[in-house]
Amino acid sequence: MLEAARAGDSTAFQQLVDPFRGELQAHCYRMLGSLHDAEDAMQETLVRAWQGLGRFDDRGTIRPWLYKIATNRCLTLIERRSRRELPTDLSPGAAPLAETTWLEPYPDDRLGLSALDPEARYAAREGVELAFVAALQHLSAGQRAVLVLREVLGFSAREVAGQLETTVASVNSALQRARKVVGDRLPGVTQQANLRSLSEDSIRKIADQYTIAWEIGDVDAIVAMLTEDAKYAMPPLPEWYEGHDAVRAFLLEKPLTRKWRFLPARANAQLAFGTYMWNEDKAGYLPAGIDILRLEGTKIAEVVSFLTADFPRFGLPTEISG
C-alpha cells in the first residue's frame, strides 16, 4: 500500500492514513484548543504527508511521521495565534475582550478511539477534558507539544526528540516545566477517574436530575447539585459566576425566565448536554449551547456552556418541536 501511494495511488494513500485521522485531529485539538482549527490542521497535515511521502524513510510505522507533520503544523499555527482560554481562566479585566480567544468543545466521536488499546483510550479521553486542554494553553508551543506527545500519546523521549528535531535532554527539561505549569492548574482528580468511581446508575441519576431541574425551572434543585464553590461560564461571554448565591442569582435573572429542553451529548469525554431554549416565533426549542459538566464525586463543580457550538457536529438536532 505504501509503495502504491508513493507511485501516486491516492486511494492507497487514503487507506494508509485513514486509521490515524481521528487521533491526529484530536492531537491537533489538544494543541490548538479549537475544533475548527484542528480540522484545518489535520487536513493540511494529510496534504503535506501526500506531497512528502517520498521522503518517508519507511524504517517504522507511518504513525510517528504523521504526528511529526501534524505537530509542526500546530506549532506554526500557535506562533501565529493567541492562546485559547475559558472565561474562568481570566480574572475581571485580565485581558481585553478583543484579544481573548475562547476554547471550543470537542465531539467524542472524533477521538479516533477504535484503533487504540484500552489504556490509550483512557489517556485519549483524559487528554481532551476541558481542564486539561485549558491548562495546555498556558504552556509555550514547544512545552505543549512535548507534554502531549509524551504524556497523552506515549511516545518516548527519544521519539519526541526526533519529531521535534531537538535533544532528549531538551525534551526532558521541557516536560518537567510543562508538568509543573499544568499540574498547578488541574483539579486533583480527572473526570475519567471520577466517572470510573461512579456506577452507571449514579451517572444516569445525575444527568436525569440535572435535566429535569432545568426543564421544570427548579433553581433550588439545580443549586443543590453544585459544590459550594461551583463555577458557571458561557463562552463567548466573558463573565462567569462562582458559588451558590452568584449562580442562583444569575439563573433566576436570565436563563430560568425561559423554557428549556436538554438532550444528552458526547463532548470532551465529560458529562454533557445539548441545551435548547423555547422560541415563540418558531413554536419550538432552538439550540442555546452545549453544557459540559465537571464533577467532584456526585456534585457538579463547573458548568461551561458553549453558546456558539455547532450542534450538528455533535450529532444534535437543530430544533426540537414544541
C-alpha atoms as a PDB file:
ATOM      1  CA  MET A   1       0.000   0.000   0.000  1.00  0.00           C
ATOM      2  CA  LEU A   2       2.864   2.384   0.818  1.00  0.00           C
ATOM      3  CA  GLU A   3       4.578   1.642  -2.494  1.00  0.00           C
ATOM      4  CA  ALA A   4       1.304   2.178  -4.357  1.00  0.00           C
ATOM      5  CA  ALA A   5       0.800   5.503  -2.567  1.00  0.00           C
ATOM      6  CA  ARG A   6       4.337   6.567  -3.411  1.00  0.00           C
ATOM      7  CA  ALA A   7       3.598   5.728  -7.034  1.00  0.00           C
ATOM      8  CA  GLY A   8       0.700   8.202  -6.984  1.00  0.00           C
ATOM      9  CA  ASP A   9      -2.252   6.000  -5.990  1.00  0.00           C
ATOM     10  CA  SER A  10      -4.424   8.371  -3.927  1.00  0.00           C
ATOM     11  CA  THR A  11      -6.773   5.568  -2.871  1.00  0.00           C
ATOM     12  CA  ALA A  12      -3.856   3.645  -1.387  1.00  0.00           C
ATOM     13  CA  PHE A  13      -2.760   6.787   0.447  1.00  0.00           C
ATOM     14  CA  GLN A  14      -6.227   7.244   1.941  1.00  0.00           C
ATOM     15  CA  GLN A  15      -6.235   3.633   3.130  1.00  0.00           C
ATOM     16  CA  LEU A  16      -2.785   4.175   4.620  1.00  0.00           C
ATOM     17  CA  VAL A  17      -3.725   7.249   6.681  1.00  0.00           C
ATOM     18  CA  ASP A  18      -7.412   6.639   7.434  1.00  0.00           C
ATOM     19  CA  PRO A  19      -6.760   4.651  10.656  1.00  0.00           C
ATOM     20  CA  PHE A  20      -4.988   7.712  12.105  1.00  0.00           C
ATOM     21  CA  ARG A  21      -7.364  10.518  11.104  1.00  0.00           C
ATOM     22  CA  GLY A  22      -9.334  10.614  14.346  1.00  0.00           C
ATOM     23  CA  GLU A  23      -6.368  10.548  16.705  1.00  0.00           C
ATOM     24  CA  LEU A  24      -4.458  13.082  14.585  1.00  0.00           C
ATOM     25  CA  GLN A  25      -7.356  15.520  14.703  1.00  0.00           C
ATOM     26  CA  ALA A  26      -7.700  15.039  18.469  1.00  0.00           C
ATOM     27  CA  HIS A  27      -3.967  15.759  18.771  1.00  0.00           C
ATOM     28  CA  CYS A  28      -4.408  18.991  16.833  1.00  0.00           C
ATOM     29  CA  TYR A  29      -7.314  19.936  19.106  1.00  0.00           C
ATOM     30  CA  ARG A  30      -5.200  19.464  22.235  1.00  0.00           C
ATOM     31  CA  MET A  31      -2.522  21.650  20.720  1.00  0.00           C
ATOM     32  CA  LEU A  32      -4.845  24.358  19.359  1.00  0.00           C
ATOM     33  CA  GLY A  33      -7.936  24.289  21.613  1.00  0.00           C
ATOM     34  CA  SER A  34     -10.283  24.618  18.650  1.00  0.00           C
ATOM     35  CA  LEU A  35     -12.299  22.048  16.711  1.00  0.00           C
ATOM     36  CA  HIS A  36     -12.267  24.206  13.588  1.00  0.00           C
ATOM     37  CA  ASP A  37      -8.515  24.843  13.763  1.00  0.00           C
ATOM     38  CA  ALA A  38      -7.917  21.147  14.436  1.00  0.00           C
ATOM     39  CA  GLU A  39      -9.888  20.142  11.352  1.00  0.00           C
ATOM     40  CA  ASP A  40      -7.895  22.569   9.212  1.00  0.00           C
ATOM     41  CA  ALA A  41      -4.562  21.453  10.703  1.00  0.00           C
ATOM     42  CA  MET A  42      -5.389  17.782  10.179  1.00  0.00           C
ATOM     43  CA  GLN A  43      -6.315  18.359   6.526  1.00  0.00           C
ATOM     44  CA  GLU A  44      -3.121  20.341   5.966  1.00  0.00           C
ATOM     45  CA  THR A  45      -1.180  17.521   7.631  1.00  0.00           C
ATOM     46  CA  LEU A  46      -2.570  14.966   5.189  1.00  0.00           C
ATOM     47  CA  VAL A  47      -1.849  17.226   2.219  1.00  0.00           C
ATOM     48  CA  ARG A  48       1.760  17.654   3.357  1.00  0.00           C
ATOM     49  CA  ALA A  49       2.067  13.922   4.001  1.00  0.00           C
ATOM     50  CA  TRP A  50       0.810  13.145   0.492  1.00  0.00           C
ATOM     51  CA  GLN A  51       3.218  15.638  -1.016  1.00  0.00           C
ATOM     52  CA  GLY A  52       6.144  14.433   1.082  1.00  0.00           C
ATOM     53  CA  LEU A  53       5.528  10.685   1.013  1.00  0.00           C
ATOM     54  CA  GLY A  54       8.684  10.143  -0.991  1.00  0.00           C
ATOM     55  CA  ARG A  55      10.703  11.419   1.968  1.00  0.00           C
ATOM     56  CA  PHE A  56       9.234   8.914   4.451  1.00  0.00           C
ATOM     57  CA  ASP A  57      12.135   6.580   5.253  1.00  0.00           C
ATOM     58  CA  ASP A  58       9.944   3.505   5.881  1.00  0.00           C
ATOM     59  CA  ARG A  59      12.012   2.365   8.877  1.00  0.00           C
ATOM     60  CA  GLY A  60       8.934   2.078  11.079  1.00  0.00           C
ATOM     61  CA  THR A  61       5.203   2.712  11.028  1.00  0.00           C
ATOM     62  CA  ILE A  62       3.849   5.815   9.362  1.00  0.00           C
ATOM     63  CA  ARG A  63       2.128   6.978  12.575  1.00  0.00           C
ATOM     64  CA  PRO A  64       5.086   8.833  14.204  1.00  0.00           C
ATOM     65  CA  TRP A  65       5.857  10.511  10.892  1.00  0.00           C
ATOM     66  CA  LEU A  66       2.271  11.767  10.597  1.00  0.00           C
ATOM     67  CA  TYR A  67       2.442  13.076  14.171  1.00  0.00           C
ATOM     68  CA  LYS A  68       5.656  14.925  13.343  1.00  0.00           C
ATOM     69  CA  ILE A  69       3.956  16.688  10.445  1.00  0.00           C
ATOM     70  CA  ALA A  70       0.815  17.445  12.493  1.00  0.00           C
ATOM     71  CA  THR A  71       2.787  18.742  15.475  1.00  0.00           C
ATOM     72  CA  ASN A  72       4.939  21.021  13.358  1.00  0.00           C
ATOM     73  CA  ARG A  73       1.854  22.393  11.630  1.00  0.00           C
ATOM     74  CA  CYS A  74       0.268  23.106  15.022  1.00  0.00           C
ATOM     75  CA  LEU A  75       3.465  24.758  16.292  1.00  0.00           C
ATOM     76  CA  THR A  76       3.373  27.128  13.330  1.00  0.00           C
ATOM     77  CA  LEU A  77      -0.272  27.990  13.972  1.00  0.00           C
ATOM     78  CA  ILE A  78       0.317  28.547  17.703  1.00  0.00           C
ATOM     79  CA  GLU A  79       3.056  31.047  16.962  1.00  0.00           C
ATOM     80  CA  ARG A  80       0.658  33.000  14.745  1.00  0.00           C
ATOM     81  CA  ARG A  81      -2.402  32.962  17.001  1.00  0.00           C
ATOM     82  CA  SER A  82      -3.241  33.918  20.568  1.00  0.00           C
ATOM     83  CA  ARG A  83      -3.905  31.126  23.046  1.00  0.00           C
ATOM     84  CA  ARG A  84      -7.428  29.953  23.741  1.00  0.00           C
ATOM     85  CA  GLU A  85      -8.881  30.156  27.219  1.00  0.00           C
ATOM     86  CA  LEU A  86     -12.024  29.620  29.252  1.00  0.00           C
ATOM     87  CA  PRO A  87     -13.649  32.661  30.869  1.00  0.00           C
ATOM     88  CA  THR A  88     -12.763  31.211  34.278  1.00  0.00           C
ATOM     89  CA  ASP A  89      -9.065  31.437  33.330  1.00  0.00           C
ATOM     90  CA  LEU A  90      -9.346  35.211  33.377  1.00  0.00           C
ATOM     91  CA  SER A  91      -9.981  37.476  36.312  1.00  0.00           C
ATOM     92  CA  PRO A  92     -12.040  40.622  35.569  1.00  0.00           C
ATOM     93  CA  GLY A  93     -10.029  42.989  33.421  1.00  0.00           C
ATOM     94  CA  ALA A  94      -7.256  40.451  32.843  1.00  0.00           C
ATOM     95  CA  ALA A  95      -7.388  40.765  29.060  1.00  0.00           C
ATOM     96  CA  PRO A  96      -9.255  42.991  26.611  1.00  0.00           C
ATOM     97  CA  LEU A  97     -12.153  41.070  25.111  1.00  0.00           C
ATOM     98  CA  ALA A  98     -10.920  41.769  21.579  1.00  0.00           C
ATOM     99  CA  GLU A  99      -7.703  39.889  22.377  1.00  0.00           C
ATOM    100  CA  THR A 100      -9.367  36.902  24.012  1.00  0.00           C
ATOM    101  CA  THR A 101      -9.978  33.727  22.010  1.00  0.00           C
ATOM    102  CA  TRP A 102     -12.116  31.089  23.678  1.00  0.00           C
ATOM    103  CA  LEU A 103     -11.573  27.367  23.935  1.00  0.00           C
ATOM    104  CA  GLU A 104     -14.031  25.266  21.906  1.00  0.00           C
ATOM    105  CA  PRO A 105     -15.715  21.951  22.792  1.00  0.00           C
ATOM    106  CA  TYR A 106     -14.720  18.724  21.045  1.00  0.00           C
ATOM    107  CA  PRO A 107     -17.014  15.837  19.944  1.00  0.00           C
ATOM    108  CA  ASP A 108     -16.164  12.467  21.483  1.00  0.00           C
ATOM    109  CA  ASP A 109     -16.802  10.664  18.203  1.00  0.00           C
ATOM    110  CA  ARG A 110     -13.811  12.496  16.663  1.00  0.00           C
ATOM    111  CA  LEU A 111     -11.316  10.976  19.121  1.00  0.00           C
ATOM    112  CA  GLY A 112     -10.421   8.005  16.920  1.00  0.00           C
ATOM    113  CA  LEU A 113     -10.596   5.538  19.801  1.00  0.00           C
ATOM    114  CA  SER A 114     -11.372   2.409  17.787  1.00  0.00           C
ATOM    115  CA  ALA A 115      -7.731   1.825  16.810  1.00  0.00           C
ATOM    116  CA  LEU A 116      -6.415   2.303  20.380  1.00  0.00           C
ATOM    117  CA  ASP A 117      -5.933  -0.201  23.206  1.00  0.00           C
ATOM    118  CA  PRO A 118      -7.881   0.363  26.474  1.00  0.00           C
ATOM    119  CA  GLU A 119      -5.025   2.198  28.226  1.00  0.00           C
ATOM    120  CA  ALA A 120      -4.508   4.508  25.247  1.00  0.00           C
ATOM    121  CA  ARG A 121      -8.258   5.166  25.053  1.00  0.00           C
ATOM    122  CA  TYR A 122      -8.282   6.226  28.697  1.00  0.00           C
ATOM    123  CA  ALA A 123      -5.338   8.596  28.094  1.00  0.00           C
ATOM    124  CA  ALA A 124      -7.014   9.969  24.971  1.00  0.00           C
ATOM    125  CA  ARG A 125     -10.194  10.769  26.912  1.00  0.00           C
ATOM    126  CA  GLU A 126      -8.251  12.423  29.728  1.00  0.00           C
ATOM    127  CA  GLY A 127      -6.381  14.396  27.083  1.00  0.00           C
ATOM    128  CA  VAL A 128      -9.500  16.200  25.849  1.00  0.00           C
ATOM    129  CA  GLU A 129     -11.026  17.062  29.228  1.00  0.00           C
ATOM    130  CA  LEU A 130     -11.664  20.797  29.325  1.00  0.00           C
ATOM    131  CA  ALA A 131      -9.466  21.419  32.358  1.00  0.00           C
ATOM    132  CA  PHE A 132      -6.514  19.701  30.694  1.00  0.00           C
ATOM    133  CA  VAL A 133      -6.885  21.387  27.310  1.00  0.00           C
ATOM    134  CA  ALA A 134      -7.322  24.771  29.024  1.00  0.00           C
ATOM    135  CA  ALA A 135      -4.184  24.167  31.099  1.00  0.00           C
ATOM    136  CA  LEU A 136      -2.220  23.266  27.966  1.00  0.00           C
ATOM    137  CA  GLN A 137      -2.932  26.706  26.539  1.00  0.00           C
ATOM    138  CA  HIS A 138      -0.752  28.251  29.270  1.00  0.00           C
ATOM    139  CA  LEU A 139       2.342  26.415  28.018  1.00  0.00           C
ATOM    140  CA  SER A 140       4.750  27.574  25.359  1.00  0.00           C
ATOM    141  CA  ALA A 141       4.222  25.880  21.998  1.00  0.00           C
ATOM    142  CA  GLY A 142       7.205  23.586  22.490  1.00  0.00           C
ATOM    143  CA  GLN A 143       6.251  22.585  26.033  1.00  0.00           C
ATOM    144  CA  ARG A 144       2.721  21.880  24.887  1.00  0.00           C
ATOM    145  CA  ALA A 145       3.959  19.582  22.132  1.00  0.00           C
ATOM    146  CA  VAL A 146       6.317  17.704  24.459  1.00  0.00           C
ATOM    147  CA  LEU A 147       3.690  17.169  27.157  1.00  0.00           C
ATOM    148  CA  VAL A 148       1.040  15.914  24.730  1.00  0.00           C
ATOM    149  CA  LEU A 149       3.396  13.654  22.791  1.00  0.00           C
ATOM    150  CA  ARG A 150       4.926  12.160  25.944  1.00  0.00           C
ATOM    151  CA  GLU A 151       2.050  12.056  28.467  1.00  0.00           C
ATOM    152  CA  VAL A 152      -1.039  11.609  26.285  1.00  0.00           C
ATOM    153  CA  LEU A 153       0.302   9.749  23.257  1.00  0.00           C
ATOM    154  CA  GLY A 154       3.040   7.777  24.975  1.00  0.00           C
ATOM    155  CA  PHE A 155       5.939   8.490  22.629  1.00  0.00           C
ATOM    156  CA  SER A 156       9.377   8.005  24.176  1.00  0.00           C
ATOM    157  CA  ALA A 157      11.666  10.949  24.887  1.00  0.00           C
ATOM    158  CA  ARG A 158      13.886   9.821  22.005  1.00  0.00           C
ATOM    159  CA  GLU A 159      10.934   9.646  19.611  1.00  0.00           C
ATOM    160  CA  VAL A 160       9.745  13.109  20.649  1.00  0.00           C
ATOM    161  CA  ALA A 161      13.243  14.500  20.250  1.00  0.00           C
ATOM    162  CA  GLY A 162      13.276  13.143  16.705  1.00  0.00           C
ATOM    163  CA  GLN A 163       9.830  14.530  15.913  1.00  0.00           C
ATOM    164  CA  LEU A 164      10.722  17.999  17.207  1.00  0.00           C
ATOM    165  CA  GLU A 165      14.318  17.864  15.926  1.00  0.00           C
ATOM    166  CA  THR A 166      15.823  18.553  19.326  1.00  0.00           C
ATOM    167  CA  THR A 167      17.700  16.623  22.023  1.00  0.00           C
ATOM    168  CA  VAL A 168      16.438  14.139  24.593  1.00  0.00           C
ATOM    169  CA  ALA A 169      17.747  16.450  27.326  1.00  0.00           C
ATOM    170  CA  SER A 170      15.704  19.339  25.937  1.00  0.00           C
ATOM    171  CA  VAL A 171      12.597  17.155  25.782  1.00  0.00           C
ATOM    172  CA  ASN A 172      13.014  16.034  29.390  1.00  0.00           C
ATOM    173  CA  SER A 173      13.600  19.607  30.566  1.00  0.00           C
ATOM    174  CA  ALA A 174      10.517  20.904  28.699  1.00  0.00           C
ATOM    175  CA  LEU A 175       8.430  18.041  30.086  1.00  0.00           C
ATOM    176  CA  GLN A 176       9.431  18.839  33.664  1.00  0.00           C
ATOM    177  CA  ARG A 177       8.479  22.509  33.271  1.00  0.00           C
ATOM    178  CA  ALA A 178       5.232  21.667  31.479  1.00  0.00           C
ATOM    179  CA  ARG A 179       4.164  19.213  34.183  1.00  0.00           C
ATOM    180  CA  LYS A 180       4.607  21.915  36.822  1.00  0.00           C
ATOM    181  CA  VAL A 181       2.523  24.512  34.963  1.00  0.00           C
ATOM    182  CA  VAL A 182      -0.262  22.105  34.047  1.00  0.00           C
ATOM    183  CA  GLY A 183      -0.276  20.380  37.423  1.00  0.00           C
ATOM    184  CA  ASP A 184      -0.875  23.682  39.193  1.00  0.00           C
ATOM    185  CA  ARG A 185      -3.975  24.285  37.058  1.00  0.00           C
ATOM    186  CA  LEU A 186      -5.639  20.878  37.140  1.00  0.00           C
ATOM    187  CA  PRO A 187      -8.232  19.521  39.595  1.00  0.00           C
ATOM    188  CA  GLY A 188      -6.937  16.849  41.924  1.00  0.00           C
ATOM    189  CA  VAL A 189      -8.932  14.122  40.135  1.00  0.00           C
ATOM    190  CA  THR A 190      -9.525  13.802  36.402  1.00  0.00           C
ATOM    191  CA  GLN A 191     -13.049  13.392  35.084  1.00  0.00           C
ATOM    192  CA  GLN A 192     -12.190   9.930  33.801  1.00  0.00           C
ATOM    193  CA  ALA A 193     -11.126   8.848  37.282  1.00  0.00           C
ATOM    194  CA  ASN A 194     -14.195  10.477  38.836  1.00  0.00           C
ATOM    195  CA  LEU A 195     -16.579   8.860  36.341  1.00  0.00           C
ATOM    196  CA  ARG A 196     -14.930   5.471  36.858  1.00  0.00           C
ATOM    197  CA  SER A 197     -15.569   5.777  40.596  1.00  0.00           C
ATOM    198  CA  LEU A 198     -19.313   6.149  39.976  1.00  0.00           C
ATOM    199  CA  SER A 199     -21.722   3.477  38.850  1.00  0.00           C
ATOM    200  CA  GLU A 200     -23.587   3.868  35.575  1.00  0.00           C
ATOM    201  CA  ASP A 201     -26.782   4.267  37.583  1.00  0.00           C
ATOM    202  CA  SER A 202     -25.238   7.129  39.584  1.00  0.00           C
ATOM    203  CA  ILE A 203     -24.120   8.943  36.439  1.00  0.00           C
ATOM    204  CA  ARG A 204     -27.528   8.454  34.854  1.00  0.00           C
ATOM    205  CA  LYS A 205     -29.198   9.762  38.005  1.00  0.00           C
ATOM    206  CA  ILE A 206     -27.068  12.932  37.963  1.00  0.00           C
ATOM    207  CA  ALA A 207     -27.879  13.502  34.286  1.00  0.00           C
ATOM    208  CA  ASP A 208     -31.602  12.915  34.807  1.00  0.00           C
ATOM    209  CA  GLN A 209     -31.775  15.190  37.872  1.00  0.00           C
ATOM    210  CA  TYR A 210     -29.937  17.990  36.074  1.00  0.00           C
ATOM    211  CA  THR A 211     -32.164  17.695  33.006  1.00  0.00           C
ATOM    212  CA  ILE A 212     -35.408  17.626  34.972  1.00  0.00           C
ATOM    213  CA  ALA A 213     -34.380  20.543  37.202  1.00  0.00           C
ATOM    214  CA  TRP A 214     -33.707  22.730  34.158  1.00  0.00           C
ATOM    215  CA  GLU A 215     -36.794  21.660  32.259  1.00  0.00           C
ATOM    216  CA  ILE A 216     -39.123  22.440  35.172  1.00  0.00           C
ATOM    217  CA  GLY A 217     -37.171  25.575  36.120  1.00  0.00           C
ATOM    218  CA  ASP A 218     -36.317  24.422  39.661  1.00  0.00           C
ATOM    219  CA  VAL A 219     -33.429  26.673  40.725  1.00  0.00           C
ATOM    220  CA  ASP A 220     -33.227  25.079  44.183  1.00  0.00           C
ATOM    221  CA  ALA A 221     -32.738  21.651  42.634  1.00  0.00           C
ATOM    222  CA  ILE A 222     -30.028  22.948  40.288  1.00  0.00           C
ATOM    223  CA  VAL A 223     -28.116  24.733  43.041  1.00  0.00           C
ATOM    224  CA  ALA A 224     -28.398  21.720  45.345  1.00  0.00           C
ATOM    225  CA  MET A 225     -26.435  19.701  42.777  1.00  0.00           C
ATOM    226  CA  LEU A 226     -23.497  22.138  42.837  1.00  0.00           C
ATOM    227  CA  THR A 227     -20.407  22.192  45.023  1.00  0.00           C
ATOM    228  CA  GLU A 228     -20.151  25.249  47.284  1.00  0.00           C
ATOM    229  CA  ASP A 229     -17.548  26.862  45.008  1.00  0.00           C
ATOM    230  CA  ALA A 230     -19.045  25.722  41.687  1.00  0.00           C
ATOM    231  CA  LYS A 231     -18.340  27.848  38.609  1.00  0.00           C
ATOM    232  CA  TYR A 232     -20.658  28.655  35.707  1.00  0.00           C
ATOM    233  CA  ALA A 233     -19.301  30.111  32.459  1.00  0.00           C
ATOM    234  CA  MET A 234     -20.761  30.773  28.996  1.00  0.00           C
ATOM    235  CA  PRO A 235     -18.139  31.431  26.322  1.00  0.00           C
ATOM    236  CA  PRO A 236     -18.024  33.611  24.249  1.00  0.00           C
ATOM    237  CA  LEU A 237     -19.485  35.796  27.036  1.00  0.00           C
ATOM    238  CA  PRO A 238     -16.594  36.948  29.237  1.00  0.00           C
ATOM    239  CA  GLU A 239     -18.363  36.866  32.603  1.00  0.00           C
ATOM    240  CA  TRP A 240     -18.608  33.855  34.881  1.00  0.00           C
ATOM    241  CA  TYR A 241     -20.207  33.085  38.243  1.00  0.00           C
ATOM    242  CA  GLU A 242     -18.898  31.268  41.309  1.00  0.00           C
ATOM    243  CA  GLY A 243     -20.677  29.890  44.369  1.00  0.00           C
ATOM    244  CA  HIS A 244     -24.303  29.095  45.161  1.00  0.00           C
ATOM    245  CA  ASP A 245     -25.508  32.670  45.640  1.00  0.00           C
ATOM    246  CA  ALA A 246     -23.954  34.038  42.445  1.00  0.00           C
ATOM    247  CA  VAL A 247     -25.112  31.125  40.291  1.00  0.00           C
ATOM    248  CA  ARG A 248     -28.619  31.205  41.780  1.00  0.00           C
ATOM    249  CA  ALA A 249     -28.983  34.941  41.153  1.00  0.00           C
ATOM    250  CA  PHE A 250     -27.799  34.579  37.560  1.00  0.00           C
ATOM    251  CA  LEU A 251     -30.117  31.652  36.811  1.00  0.00           C
ATOM    252  CA  LEU A 252     -33.162  33.429  38.224  1.00  0.00           C
ATOM    253  CA  GLU A 253     -32.387  36.680  36.423  1.00  0.00           C
ATOM    254  CA  LYS A 254     -31.728  35.233  32.972  1.00  0.00           C
ATOM    255  CA  PRO A 255     -31.886  31.533  31.902  1.00  0.00           C
ATOM    256  CA  LEU A 256     -34.743  30.365  34.111  1.00  0.00           C
ATOM    257  CA  THR A 257     -37.039  33.075  32.795  1.00  0.00           C
ATOM    258  CA  ARG A 258     -37.282  30.849  29.677  1.00  0.00           C
ATOM    259  CA  LYS A 259     -38.365  27.256  28.977  1.00  0.00           C
ATOM    260  CA  TRP A 260     -35.736  24.602  28.233  1.00  0.00           C
ATOM    261  CA  ARG A 261     -35.190  21.141  26.811  1.00  0.00           C
ATOM    262  CA  PHE A 262     -31.978  19.135  27.304  1.00  0.00           C
ATOM    263  CA  LEU A 263     -30.538  16.273  25.267  1.00  0.00           C
ATOM    264  CA  PRO A 264     -27.519  14.157  26.281  1.00  0.00           C
ATOM    265  CA  ALA A 265     -24.369  14.966  24.313  1.00  0.00           C
ATOM    266  CA  ARG A 266     -20.880  13.489  23.957  1.00  0.00           C
ATOM    267  CA  ALA A 267     -18.211  16.162  24.321  1.00  0.00           C
ATOM    268  CA  ASN A 268     -14.710  16.337  25.836  1.00  0.00           C
ATOM    269  CA  ALA A 269     -15.219  12.924  27.461  1.00  0.00           C
ATOM    270  CA  GLN A 270     -17.349  14.575  30.171  1.00  0.00           C
ATOM    271  CA  LEU A 271     -20.997  14.635  31.149  1.00  0.00           C
ATOM    272  CA  ALA A 272     -22.563  16.961  28.560  1.00  0.00           C
ATOM    273  CA  PHE A 273     -25.895  18.195  27.221  1.00  0.00           C
ATOM    274  CA  GLY A 274     -27.239  19.991  24.204  1.00  0.00           C
ATOM    275  CA  THR A 275     -29.493  22.722  25.600  1.00  0.00           C
ATOM    276  CA  TYR A 276     -32.477  24.150  23.724  1.00  0.00           C
ATOM    277  CA  MET A 277     -34.437  27.303  24.565  1.00  0.00           C
ATOM    278  CA  TRP A 278     -38.085  27.905  23.655  1.00  0.00           C
ATOM    279  CA  ASN A 279     -38.579  30.208  20.680  1.00  0.00           C
ATOM    280  CA  GLU A 280     -42.087  31.613  20.384  1.00  0.00           C
ATOM    281  CA  ASP A 281     -41.731  32.601  16.727  1.00  0.00           C
ATOM    282  CA  LYS A 282     -40.620  29.108  15.703  1.00  0.00           C
ATOM    283  CA  ALA A 283     -43.004  27.424  18.170  1.00  0.00           C
ATOM    284  CA  GLY A 284     -40.135  25.113  19.092  1.00  0.00           C
ATOM    285  CA  TYR A 285     -36.880  24.800  21.005  1.00  0.00           C
ATOM    286  CA  LEU A 286     -33.718  26.102  19.308  1.00  0.00           C
ATOM    287  CA  PRO A 287     -30.043  25.440  20.186  1.00  0.00           C
ATOM    288  CA  ALA A 288     -28.768  27.578  23.052  1.00  0.00           C
ATOM    289  CA  GLY A 289     -25.475  25.918  23.996  1.00  0.00           C
ATOM    290  CA  ILE A 290     -23.601  22.741  24.762  1.00  0.00           C
ATOM    291  CA  ASP A 291     -23.181  22.380  28.528  1.00  0.00           C
ATOM    292  CA  ILE A 292     -20.127  20.425  29.690  1.00  0.00           C
ATOM    293  CA  LEU A 293     -20.072  19.478  33.380  1.00  0.00           C
ATOM    294  CA  ARG A 294     -17.111  18.771  35.628  1.00  0.00           C
ATOM    295  CA  LEU A 295     -17.991  16.539  38.560  1.00  0.00           C
ATOM    296  CA  GLU A 296     -16.425  16.205  42.000  1.00  0.00           C
ATOM    297  CA  GLY A 297     -17.860  12.980  43.303  1.00  0.00           C
ATOM    298  CA  THR A 298     -21.566  13.270  42.550  1.00  0.00           C
ATOM    299  CA  LYS A 299     -21.613  17.076  42.784  1.00  0.00           C
ATOM    300  CA  ILE A 300     -21.200  19.496  39.863  1.00  0.00           C
ATOM    301  CA  ALA A 301     -18.060  21.625  40.283  1.00  0.00           C
ATOM    302  CA  GLU A 302     -18.220  23.505  36.989  1.00  0.00           C
ATOM    303  CA  VAL A 303     -20.554  24.102  34.070  1.00  0.00           C
ATOM    304  CA  VAL A 304     -19.214  25.525  30.821  1.00  0.00           C
ATOM    305  CA  SER A 305     -21.987  26.361  28.384  1.00  0.00           C
ATOM    306  CA  PHE A 306     -20.611  26.893  24.872  1.00  0.00           C
ATOM    307  CA  LEU A 307     -23.177  29.237  23.379  1.00  0.00           C
ATOM    308  CA  THR A 308     -21.878  29.150  19.798  1.00  0.00           C
ATOM    309  CA  ALA A 309     -21.234  25.391  19.492  1.00  0.00           C
ATOM    310  CA  ASP A 310     -22.103  23.774  16.170  1.00  0.00           C
ATOM    311  CA  PHE A 311     -24.806  21.275  17.204  1.00  0.00           C
ATOM    312  CA  PRO A 312     -24.731  19.015  14.091  1.00  0.00           C
ATOM    313  CA  ARG A 313     -21.001  18.366  14.683  1.00  0.00           C
ATOM    314  CA  PHE A 314     -22.049  16.784  17.991  1.00  0.00           C
ATOM    315  CA  GLY A 315     -24.850  14.740  16.437  1.00  0.00           C
ATOM    316  CA  LEU A 316     -27.521  17.030  17.892  1.00  0.00           C
ATOM    317  CA  PRO A 317     -30.648  18.262  16.079  1.00  0.00           C
ATOM    318  CA  THR A 318     -31.006  21.907  15.123  1.00  0.00           C
ATOM    319  CA  GLU A 319     -34.531  22.128  16.558  1.00  0.00           C
ATOM    320  CA  ILE A 320     -36.850  20.320  18.955  1.00  0.00           C
ATOM    321  CA  SER A 321     -40.536  20.639  18.205  1.00  0.00           C
ATOM    322  CA  GLY A 322     -42.804  22.063  20.852  1.00  0.00           C
END
